[in-house]
């Protein structure tokens, strides 16, 4: 049976073949656990808010404030969303009020801090850059120098969950 690696579809056939070998030989979990043996301790929305605000204050001081930061049980990774940055506009009286929100999939409550950081950096970058363009990824790399490697390894983790099961 040929495995379709949906989280790795943008990577080369060679990389996908290597990952398929890791899955077939049941070595993908060990690879991830050796590199990321521990999960973070950010267990609730208040702790997540503090974590996100610290990163935002360090790299994006002048960007618009965040009105809501939360773990969200409704975000399903199956829909290719790991987190969401939303720009909510509401009419209040005669005025238009805009708010920025960041929602992180609840799946990331029990992952290594590196994976949570990658998701948060990605969503924070959307405060300045709405599209996934060169400027967007440059900002992600500025906030998290190993952003691309972490994104790849997070995709490996999602592949692990899909084919074998969770490891944390």
N, C-alpha and C. Protein backbone atom coordinates (compact mmCIF):
# COMPACT_ATOMS: atom_id res chain seq x y z
N UNK A 1 0.84 -1.19 0.00
CA UNK A 1 0.00 0.00 0.00
C UNK A 1 0.88 1.25 0.00
N UNK A 2 0.66 2.11 -0.94
CA UNK A 2 1.43 3.35 -1.04
C UNK A 2 0.83 4.40 -0.11
N UNK A 3 1.69 5.04 0.63
CA UNK A 3 1.22 6.05 1.58
C UNK A 3 1.29 7.43 0.94
N UNK A 4 0.21 8.18 1.04
CA UNK A 4 0.21 9.56 0.59
C UNK A 4 0.55 10.43 1.79
N UNK A 5 1.65 11.16 1.69
CA UNK A 5 2.12 11.99 2.80
C UNK A 5 1.61 13.42 2.59
N UNK A 6 0.37 13.67 2.99
CA UNK A 6 -0.25 14.96 2.70
C UNK A 6 0.46 16.14 3.35
N UNK A 7 1.06 15.94 4.52
CA UNK A 7 1.75 17.04 5.20
C UNK A 7 3.11 17.33 4.57
N UNK A 8 3.56 16.41 3.73
CA UNK A 8 4.89 16.56 3.12
C UNK A 8 4.81 16.63 1.60
N UNK A 9 3.63 16.89 1.07
CA UNK A 9 3.43 16.85 -0.39
C UNK A 9 4.26 17.89 -1.15
N UNK A 10 4.65 18.97 -0.49
CA UNK A 10 5.44 20.01 -1.16
C UNK A 10 6.93 19.68 -1.19
N UNK A 11 7.33 18.61 -0.49
CA UNK A 11 8.74 18.24 -0.44
C UNK A 11 9.07 17.26 -1.56
N UNK A 12 10.35 17.11 -1.82
CA UNK A 12 10.81 16.28 -2.94
C UNK A 12 10.45 14.82 -2.75
N UNK A 13 10.43 14.08 -3.86
CA UNK A 13 10.13 12.65 -3.81
C UNK A 13 11.17 11.92 -2.96
N UNK A 14 12.41 12.37 -3.00
CA UNK A 14 13.48 11.76 -2.22
C UNK A 14 13.20 11.89 -0.71
N UNK A 15 12.82 13.08 -0.29
CA UNK A 15 12.50 13.30 1.13
C UNK A 15 11.30 12.45 1.53
N UNK A 16 10.28 12.43 0.69
CA UNK A 16 9.09 11.63 0.99
C UNK A 16 9.44 10.15 1.10
N UNK A 17 10.33 9.67 0.23
CA UNK A 17 10.74 8.27 0.29
C UNK A 17 11.46 7.97 1.60
N UNK A 18 12.30 8.90 2.05
CA UNK A 18 13.01 8.71 3.32
C UNK A 18 12.01 8.64 4.48
N UNK A 19 11.00 9.49 4.45
CA UNK A 19 10.00 9.49 5.52
C UNK A 19 9.19 8.20 5.48
N UNK A 20 8.82 7.74 4.29
CA UNK A 20 8.08 6.48 4.17
C UNK A 20 8.89 5.33 4.75
N UNK A 21 10.19 5.35 4.54
CA UNK A 21 11.07 4.32 5.11
C UNK A 21 11.03 4.39 6.64
N UNK A 22 11.11 5.60 7.19
CA UNK A 22 11.04 5.76 8.65
C UNK A 22 9.72 5.22 9.19
N UNK A 23 8.63 5.45 8.47
CA UNK A 23 7.32 4.96 8.89
C UNK A 23 7.29 3.43 8.82
N UNK A 24 7.71 2.89 7.67
CA UNK A 24 7.68 1.44 7.47
C UNK A 24 8.53 0.71 8.50
N UNK A 25 9.66 1.30 8.87
CA UNK A 25 10.57 0.68 9.84
C UNK A 25 10.24 1.09 11.27
N UNK A 26 9.15 1.81 11.43
CA UNK A 26 8.69 2.27 12.76
C UNK A 26 9.80 3.03 13.51
N UNK A 27 10.48 3.91 12.78
CA UNK A 27 11.56 4.70 13.37
C UNK A 27 11.26 6.20 13.43
N UNK A 28 10.13 6.62 12.91
CA UNK A 28 9.80 8.05 12.90
C UNK A 28 9.60 8.58 14.32
N UNK A 29 8.91 7.84 15.16
CA UNK A 29 8.68 8.28 16.55
C UNK A 29 10.01 8.45 17.27
N UNK A 30 10.91 7.49 17.11
CA UNK A 30 12.22 7.59 17.78
C UNK A 30 13.01 8.79 17.29
N UNK A 31 12.95 9.05 15.99
CA UNK A 31 13.64 10.22 15.44
C UNK A 31 13.14 11.49 16.13
N UNK A 32 11.82 11.63 16.21
CA UNK A 32 11.23 12.83 16.82
C UNK A 32 11.51 12.90 18.31
N UNK A 33 11.36 11.79 19.01
CA UNK A 33 11.57 11.78 20.47
C UNK A 33 13.03 12.02 20.84
N UNK A 34 13.95 11.57 20.01
CA UNK A 34 15.37 11.84 20.28
C UNK A 34 15.67 13.33 20.15
N UNK A 35 15.04 13.98 19.19
CA UNK A 35 15.28 15.41 18.97
C UNK A 35 14.44 16.27 19.92
N UNK A 36 13.23 15.84 20.19
CA UNK A 36 12.29 16.61 21.03
C UNK A 36 11.70 15.70 22.10
N UNK A 37 12.46 15.41 23.16
CA UNK A 37 11.98 14.45 24.16
C UNK A 37 10.89 14.99 25.10
N UNK A 38 10.79 16.31 25.24
CA UNK A 38 9.89 16.88 26.24
C UNK A 38 8.83 17.79 25.63
N UNK A 39 7.70 17.86 26.33
CA UNK A 39 6.66 18.80 25.92
C UNK A 39 6.76 20.06 26.78
N UNK A 40 6.17 21.13 26.30
CA UNK A 40 6.19 22.40 27.04
C UNK A 40 5.19 22.34 28.19
N UNK A 41 5.20 23.33 29.04
CA UNK A 41 4.29 23.36 30.18
C UNK A 41 3.19 24.39 30.05
N UNK A 42 2.91 24.83 28.83
CA UNK A 42 1.88 25.84 28.61
C UNK A 42 0.54 25.12 28.50
N UNK A 43 -0.20 25.12 29.58
CA UNK A 43 -1.36 24.25 29.69
C UNK A 43 -2.71 24.94 29.51
N UNK A 44 -2.72 26.28 29.55
CA UNK A 44 -4.02 26.96 29.45
C UNK A 44 -3.90 28.25 28.63
N UNK A 45 -5.04 28.87 28.39
CA UNK A 45 -5.07 30.07 27.54
C UNK A 45 -4.28 31.23 28.15
N UNK A 46 -4.30 31.38 29.47
CA UNK A 46 -3.55 32.47 30.10
C UNK A 46 -2.05 32.31 29.89
N UNK A 47 -1.55 31.10 30.05
CA UNK A 47 -0.13 30.85 29.82
C UNK A 47 0.22 31.03 28.34
N UNK A 48 -0.68 30.60 27.46
CA UNK A 48 -0.45 30.79 26.03
C UNK A 48 -0.41 32.28 25.70
N UNK A 49 -1.33 33.03 26.27
CA UNK A 49 -1.36 34.48 26.03
C UNK A 49 -0.04 35.12 26.44
N UNK A 50 0.47 34.75 27.61
CA UNK A 50 1.74 35.30 28.09
C UNK A 50 2.89 34.94 27.13
N UNK A 51 2.91 33.69 26.69
CA UNK A 51 3.93 33.21 25.76
C UNK A 51 3.89 33.99 24.44
N UNK A 52 2.69 34.14 23.89
CA UNK A 52 2.51 34.85 22.61
C UNK A 52 2.86 36.33 22.77
N UNK A 53 2.38 36.94 23.85
CA UNK A 53 2.66 38.37 24.08
C UNK A 53 4.16 38.63 24.23
N UNK A 54 4.88 37.73 24.91
CA UNK A 54 6.33 37.88 25.05
C UNK A 54 7.01 37.90 23.69
N UNK A 55 6.62 36.96 22.82
CA UNK A 55 7.20 36.93 21.47
C UNK A 55 6.82 38.18 20.67
N UNK A 56 5.55 38.55 20.76
CA UNK A 56 5.07 39.73 20.05
C UNK A 56 5.83 40.98 20.51
N UNK A 57 5.99 41.14 21.82
CA UNK A 57 6.69 42.31 22.36
C UNK A 57 8.16 42.33 21.97
N UNK A 58 8.73 41.16 21.79
CA UNK A 58 10.14 41.09 21.41
C UNK A 58 10.35 41.46 19.94
N UNK A 59 9.44 41.05 19.07
CA UNK A 59 9.66 41.21 17.63
C UNK A 59 8.69 42.14 16.91
N UNK A 60 7.51 42.33 17.45
CA UNK A 60 6.47 43.09 16.73
C UNK A 60 5.81 44.11 17.64
N UNK A 61 6.61 44.89 18.34
CA UNK A 61 6.08 45.86 19.32
C UNK A 61 5.05 46.81 18.73
N UNK A 62 5.28 47.24 17.50
CA UNK A 62 4.43 48.27 16.92
C UNK A 62 3.22 47.71 16.17
N UNK A 63 3.08 46.40 16.14
CA UNK A 63 1.93 45.82 15.43
C UNK A 63 0.66 45.96 16.27
N UNK A 64 -0.44 45.76 15.62
CA UNK A 64 -1.75 45.90 16.27
C UNK A 64 -1.86 44.95 17.47
N UNK A 65 -2.57 45.37 18.51
CA UNK A 65 -2.73 44.51 19.68
C UNK A 65 -3.58 43.27 19.36
N UNK A 66 -3.39 42.25 20.17
CA UNK A 66 -4.17 41.03 20.04
C UNK A 66 -5.28 41.04 21.10
N UNK A 67 -6.50 40.88 20.66
CA UNK A 67 -7.61 40.90 21.62
C UNK A 67 -7.87 39.52 22.21
N UNK A 68 -7.51 38.48 21.47
CA UNK A 68 -7.77 37.13 21.96
C UNK A 68 -6.65 36.20 21.53
N UNK A 69 -6.19 35.39 22.49
CA UNK A 69 -5.18 34.36 22.22
C UNK A 69 -5.67 33.13 22.96
N UNK A 70 -5.87 32.04 22.23
CA UNK A 70 -6.47 30.87 22.86
C UNK A 70 -6.07 29.58 22.17
N UNK A 71 -6.11 28.48 22.92
CA UNK A 71 -6.08 27.15 22.34
C UNK A 71 -7.50 26.87 21.86
N UNK A 72 -7.63 26.29 20.69
CA UNK A 72 -8.95 26.10 20.11
C UNK A 72 -9.17 24.63 19.76
N UNK A 73 -10.17 24.02 20.38
CA UNK A 73 -10.50 22.61 20.10
C UNK A 73 -11.16 22.43 18.75
N UNK A 74 -11.62 23.52 18.16
CA UNK A 74 -12.36 23.41 16.90
C UNK A 74 -11.46 23.43 15.67
N UNK A 75 -10.19 23.79 15.85
CA UNK A 75 -9.27 23.79 14.71
C UNK A 75 -8.83 22.35 14.50
N UNK A 76 -9.09 21.84 13.32
CA UNK A 76 -8.69 20.48 13.00
C UNK A 76 -7.56 20.52 11.99
N UNK A 77 -6.50 19.82 12.34
CA UNK A 77 -5.32 19.80 11.49
C UNK A 77 -5.65 19.21 10.13
N UNK A 78 -6.67 18.38 10.08
CA UNK A 78 -7.09 17.78 8.81
C UNK A 78 -7.39 18.86 7.77
N UNK A 79 -7.89 19.98 8.21
CA UNK A 79 -8.20 21.08 7.30
C UNK A 79 -6.98 21.94 7.01
N UNK A 80 -5.80 21.41 7.27
CA UNK A 80 -4.53 22.10 7.03
C UNK A 80 -4.36 23.36 7.85
N UNK A 81 -5.05 23.46 8.96
CA UNK A 81 -4.87 24.61 9.84
C UNK A 81 -4.23 24.13 11.13
N UNK A 82 -3.18 24.79 11.53
CA UNK A 82 -2.51 24.47 12.79
C UNK A 82 -2.80 25.57 13.80
N UNK A 83 -3.05 26.72 13.26
CA UNK A 83 -3.41 27.88 14.05
C UNK A 83 -4.16 28.82 13.14
N UNK A 84 -4.78 29.80 13.71
CA UNK A 84 -5.51 30.78 12.90
C UNK A 84 -5.22 32.18 13.41
N UNK A 85 -4.96 33.06 12.48
CA UNK A 85 -4.92 34.47 12.82
C UNK A 85 -6.14 35.06 12.16
N UNK A 86 -6.99 35.68 12.92
CA UNK A 86 -8.17 36.28 12.31
C UNK A 86 -8.24 37.75 12.64
N UNK A 87 -8.75 38.46 11.68
CA UNK A 87 -8.96 39.89 11.80
C UNK A 87 -10.46 40.06 11.83
N UNK A 88 -10.99 40.30 13.01
CA UNK A 88 -12.43 40.35 13.20
C UNK A 88 -12.89 41.80 13.20
N UNK A 89 -13.88 42.10 12.37
CA UNK A 89 -14.45 43.44 12.31
C UNK A 89 -15.90 43.36 12.78
N UNK A 90 -16.23 44.21 13.73
CA UNK A 90 -17.59 44.23 14.26
C UNK A 90 -18.12 45.66 14.26
N UNK A 91 -19.40 45.79 14.06
CA UNK A 91 -20.03 47.10 14.17
C UNK A 91 -20.51 47.26 15.60
N UNK A 92 -20.05 48.33 16.24
CA UNK A 92 -20.50 48.64 17.60
C UNK A 92 -21.02 50.06 17.59
N UNK A 93 -22.32 50.17 17.70
CA UNK A 93 -22.94 51.49 17.58
C UNK A 93 -22.74 51.96 16.15
N UNK A 94 -22.19 53.16 16.00
CA UNK A 94 -21.94 53.69 14.67
C UNK A 94 -20.49 53.50 14.24
N UNK A 95 -19.72 52.73 15.00
CA UNK A 95 -18.29 52.57 14.71
C UNK A 95 -17.97 51.15 14.30
N UNK A 96 -16.93 51.05 13.51
CA UNK A 96 -16.40 49.76 13.09
C UNK A 96 -15.21 49.44 13.97
N UNK A 97 -15.26 48.34 14.72
CA UNK A 97 -14.17 47.93 15.60
C UNK A 97 -13.46 46.73 14.99
N UNK A 98 -12.14 46.77 14.97
CA UNK A 98 -11.35 45.66 14.44
C UNK A 98 -10.50 45.05 15.54
N UNK A 99 -10.40 43.74 15.51
CA UNK A 99 -9.62 43.03 16.51
C UNK A 99 -8.81 41.93 15.84
N UNK A 100 -7.60 41.71 16.35
CA UNK A 100 -6.77 40.61 15.90
C UNK A 100 -6.84 39.50 16.93
N UNK A 101 -7.01 38.28 16.44
CA UNK A 101 -7.07 37.12 17.33
C UNK A 101 -6.12 36.05 16.83
N UNK A 102 -5.53 35.31 17.76
CA UNK A 102 -4.72 34.15 17.41
C UNK A 102 -5.30 32.94 18.14
N UNK A 103 -5.58 31.92 17.37
CA UNK A 103 -6.09 30.67 17.91
C UNK A 103 -5.12 29.57 17.49
N UNK A 104 -4.71 28.76 18.47
CA UNK A 104 -3.77 27.67 18.22
C UNK A 104 -4.51 26.35 18.43
N UNK A 105 -4.36 25.42 17.51
CA UNK A 105 -5.02 24.12 17.63
C UNK A 105 -4.68 23.49 18.98
N UNK A 106 -5.69 22.96 19.65
CA UNK A 106 -5.51 22.37 20.98
C UNK A 106 -4.50 21.22 20.95
N UNK A 107 -4.29 20.62 19.80
CA UNK A 107 -3.28 19.58 19.63
C UNK A 107 -1.92 20.02 20.18
N UNK A 108 -1.64 21.32 20.12
CA UNK A 108 -0.32 21.83 20.51
C UNK A 108 -0.19 22.10 22.00
N UNK A 109 -1.19 21.70 22.79
CA UNK A 109 -1.06 21.78 24.25
C UNK A 109 -0.02 20.79 24.75
N UNK A 110 0.16 19.70 24.04
CA UNK A 110 1.09 18.65 24.48
C UNK A 110 2.08 18.34 23.36
N UNK A 111 2.89 19.33 23.03
CA UNK A 111 3.96 19.13 22.05
C UNK A 111 5.22 19.82 22.59
N UNK A 112 6.33 19.60 21.93
CA UNK A 112 7.55 20.33 22.32
C UNK A 112 7.37 21.84 22.11
N UNK A 113 8.06 22.61 22.91
CA UNK A 113 7.98 24.08 22.83
C UNK A 113 8.37 24.57 21.44
N UNK A 114 9.27 23.86 20.79
CA UNK A 114 9.71 24.28 19.44
C UNK A 114 8.55 24.27 18.46
N UNK A 115 7.67 23.26 18.55
CA UNK A 115 6.54 23.19 17.63
C UNK A 115 5.52 24.29 17.93
N UNK A 116 5.26 24.53 19.20
CA UNK A 116 4.34 25.61 19.58
C UNK A 116 4.92 26.96 19.12
N UNK A 117 6.20 27.15 19.31
CA UNK A 117 6.86 28.41 18.89
C UNK A 117 6.71 28.62 17.40
N UNK A 118 6.90 27.56 16.62
CA UNK A 118 6.77 27.68 15.16
C UNK A 118 5.37 28.12 14.77
N UNK A 119 4.35 27.53 15.39
CA UNK A 119 2.96 27.90 15.09
C UNK A 119 2.69 29.35 15.48
N UNK A 120 3.13 29.73 16.67
CA UNK A 120 2.89 31.09 17.16
C UNK A 120 3.60 32.12 16.27
N UNK A 121 4.85 31.85 15.93
CA UNK A 121 5.60 32.76 15.05
C UNK A 121 4.88 32.90 13.71
N UNK A 122 4.39 31.80 13.18
CA UNK A 122 3.66 31.83 11.91
C UNK A 122 2.44 32.74 12.01
N UNK A 123 1.68 32.57 13.07
CA UNK A 123 0.47 33.39 13.23
C UNK A 123 0.80 34.85 13.53
N UNK A 124 1.85 35.09 14.31
CA UNK A 124 2.26 36.48 14.57
C UNK A 124 2.72 37.16 13.28
N UNK A 125 3.40 36.44 12.42
CA UNK A 125 3.87 37.02 11.16
C UNK A 125 2.70 37.53 10.32
N UNK A 126 1.54 36.89 10.48
CA UNK A 126 0.36 37.35 9.74
C UNK A 126 -0.14 38.71 10.21
N UNK A 127 0.30 39.18 11.37
CA UNK A 127 -0.07 40.54 11.79
C UNK A 127 0.50 41.57 10.83
N UNK A 128 1.67 41.28 10.28
CA UNK A 128 2.32 42.21 9.34
C UNK A 128 2.15 41.81 7.89
N UNK A 129 2.20 40.52 7.63
CA UNK A 129 2.13 40.01 6.26
C UNK A 129 0.96 39.03 6.15
N UNK A 130 -0.05 39.40 5.39
CA UNK A 130 -1.24 38.55 5.28
C UNK A 130 -1.00 37.32 4.41
N UNK A 131 -0.17 37.47 3.39
CA UNK A 131 0.09 36.38 2.44
C UNK A 131 1.34 35.60 2.82
N UNK A 132 1.42 34.35 2.36
CA UNK A 132 2.63 33.54 2.54
C UNK A 132 3.60 33.87 1.41
N UNK A 133 4.25 35.02 1.54
CA UNK A 133 5.18 35.46 0.51
C UNK A 133 6.60 35.54 1.08
N UNK A 134 7.52 36.07 0.29
CA UNK A 134 8.91 36.14 0.71
C UNK A 134 9.07 36.96 2.00
N UNK A 135 8.37 38.07 2.08
CA UNK A 135 8.45 38.93 3.27
C UNK A 135 7.91 38.20 4.50
N UNK A 136 6.86 37.42 4.31
CA UNK A 136 6.28 36.65 5.41
C UNK A 136 7.31 35.68 5.98
N UNK A 137 7.94 34.89 5.11
CA UNK A 137 8.90 33.89 5.58
C UNK A 137 10.17 34.53 6.11
N UNK A 138 10.53 35.68 5.59
CA UNK A 138 11.68 36.41 6.12
C UNK A 138 11.40 36.83 7.56
N UNK A 139 10.19 37.30 7.82
CA UNK A 139 9.79 37.69 9.18
C UNK A 139 9.77 36.47 10.11
N UNK A 140 9.24 35.34 9.62
CA UNK A 140 9.24 34.11 10.42
C UNK A 140 10.67 33.72 10.80
N UNK A 141 11.58 33.78 9.84
CA UNK A 141 12.98 33.44 10.10
C UNK A 141 13.64 34.42 11.04
N UNK A 142 13.23 35.67 10.99
CA UNK A 142 13.77 36.67 11.91
C UNK A 142 13.38 36.34 13.35
N UNK A 143 12.12 35.96 13.53
CA UNK A 143 11.64 35.65 14.87
C UNK A 143 12.12 34.28 15.36
N UNK A 144 12.31 33.35 14.44
CA UNK A 144 12.69 31.98 14.76
C UNK A 144 13.65 31.49 13.67
N UNK A 145 14.96 31.65 13.90
CA UNK A 145 15.95 31.36 12.84
C UNK A 145 15.86 29.97 12.21
N UNK A 146 15.41 28.98 12.95
CA UNK A 146 15.28 27.63 12.37
C UNK A 146 13.83 27.31 12.00
N UNK A 147 13.09 28.34 11.64
CA UNK A 147 11.67 28.22 11.31
C UNK A 147 11.40 27.10 10.30
N UNK A 148 12.13 27.09 9.19
CA UNK A 148 11.84 26.12 8.12
C UNK A 148 12.11 24.68 8.57
N UNK A 149 13.18 24.49 9.34
CA UNK A 149 13.47 23.15 9.85
C UNK A 149 12.39 22.70 10.82
N UNK A 150 11.96 23.61 11.68
CA UNK A 150 10.89 23.28 12.63
C UNK A 150 9.57 22.99 11.92
N UNK A 151 9.29 23.74 10.87
CA UNK A 151 8.07 23.47 10.11
C UNK A 151 8.12 22.07 9.51
N UNK A 152 9.27 21.70 8.97
CA UNK A 152 9.43 20.36 8.40
C UNK A 152 9.23 19.28 9.47
N UNK A 153 9.88 19.47 10.62
CA UNK A 153 9.79 18.46 11.68
C UNK A 153 8.40 18.42 12.31
N UNK A 154 7.71 19.54 12.33
CA UNK A 154 6.32 19.54 12.77
C UNK A 154 5.48 18.74 11.78
N UNK A 155 5.76 18.87 10.52
CA UNK A 155 5.06 18.09 9.50
C UNK A 155 5.35 16.59 9.67
N UNK A 156 6.58 16.27 10.08
CA UNK A 156 6.91 14.87 10.38
C UNK A 156 6.07 14.37 11.55
N UNK A 157 5.93 15.21 12.56
CA UNK A 157 5.12 14.85 13.73
C UNK A 157 3.66 14.61 13.34
N UNK A 158 3.11 15.48 12.51
CA UNK A 158 1.72 15.30 12.05
C UNK A 158 1.58 14.02 11.24
N UNK A 159 2.60 13.70 10.47
CA UNK A 159 2.62 12.45 9.70
C UNK A 159 2.65 11.26 10.65
N UNK A 160 3.46 11.36 11.70
CA UNK A 160 3.53 10.32 12.73
C UNK A 160 2.14 10.08 13.32
N UNK A 161 1.45 11.16 13.69
CA UNK A 161 0.11 11.04 14.26
C UNK A 161 -0.84 10.35 13.28
N UNK A 162 -0.78 10.78 12.03
CA UNK A 162 -1.70 10.25 11.03
C UNK A 162 -1.50 8.75 10.79
N UNK A 163 -0.25 8.31 10.66
CA UNK A 163 0.00 6.93 10.27
C UNK A 163 0.17 5.96 11.44
N UNK A 164 0.67 6.45 12.56
CA UNK A 164 1.02 5.53 13.66
C UNK A 164 0.31 5.92 14.95
N UNK A 165 0.29 7.21 15.27
CA UNK A 165 -0.35 7.66 16.50
C UNK A 165 0.52 8.68 17.23
N UNK A 166 -0.08 9.29 18.23
CA UNK A 166 0.60 10.34 18.98
C UNK A 166 1.75 9.76 19.80
N UNK A 167 2.76 10.58 20.06
CA UNK A 167 3.92 10.13 20.84
C UNK A 167 4.09 10.94 22.12
N UNK A 168 3.28 11.97 22.32
CA UNK A 168 3.43 12.80 23.53
C UNK A 168 2.19 12.67 24.40
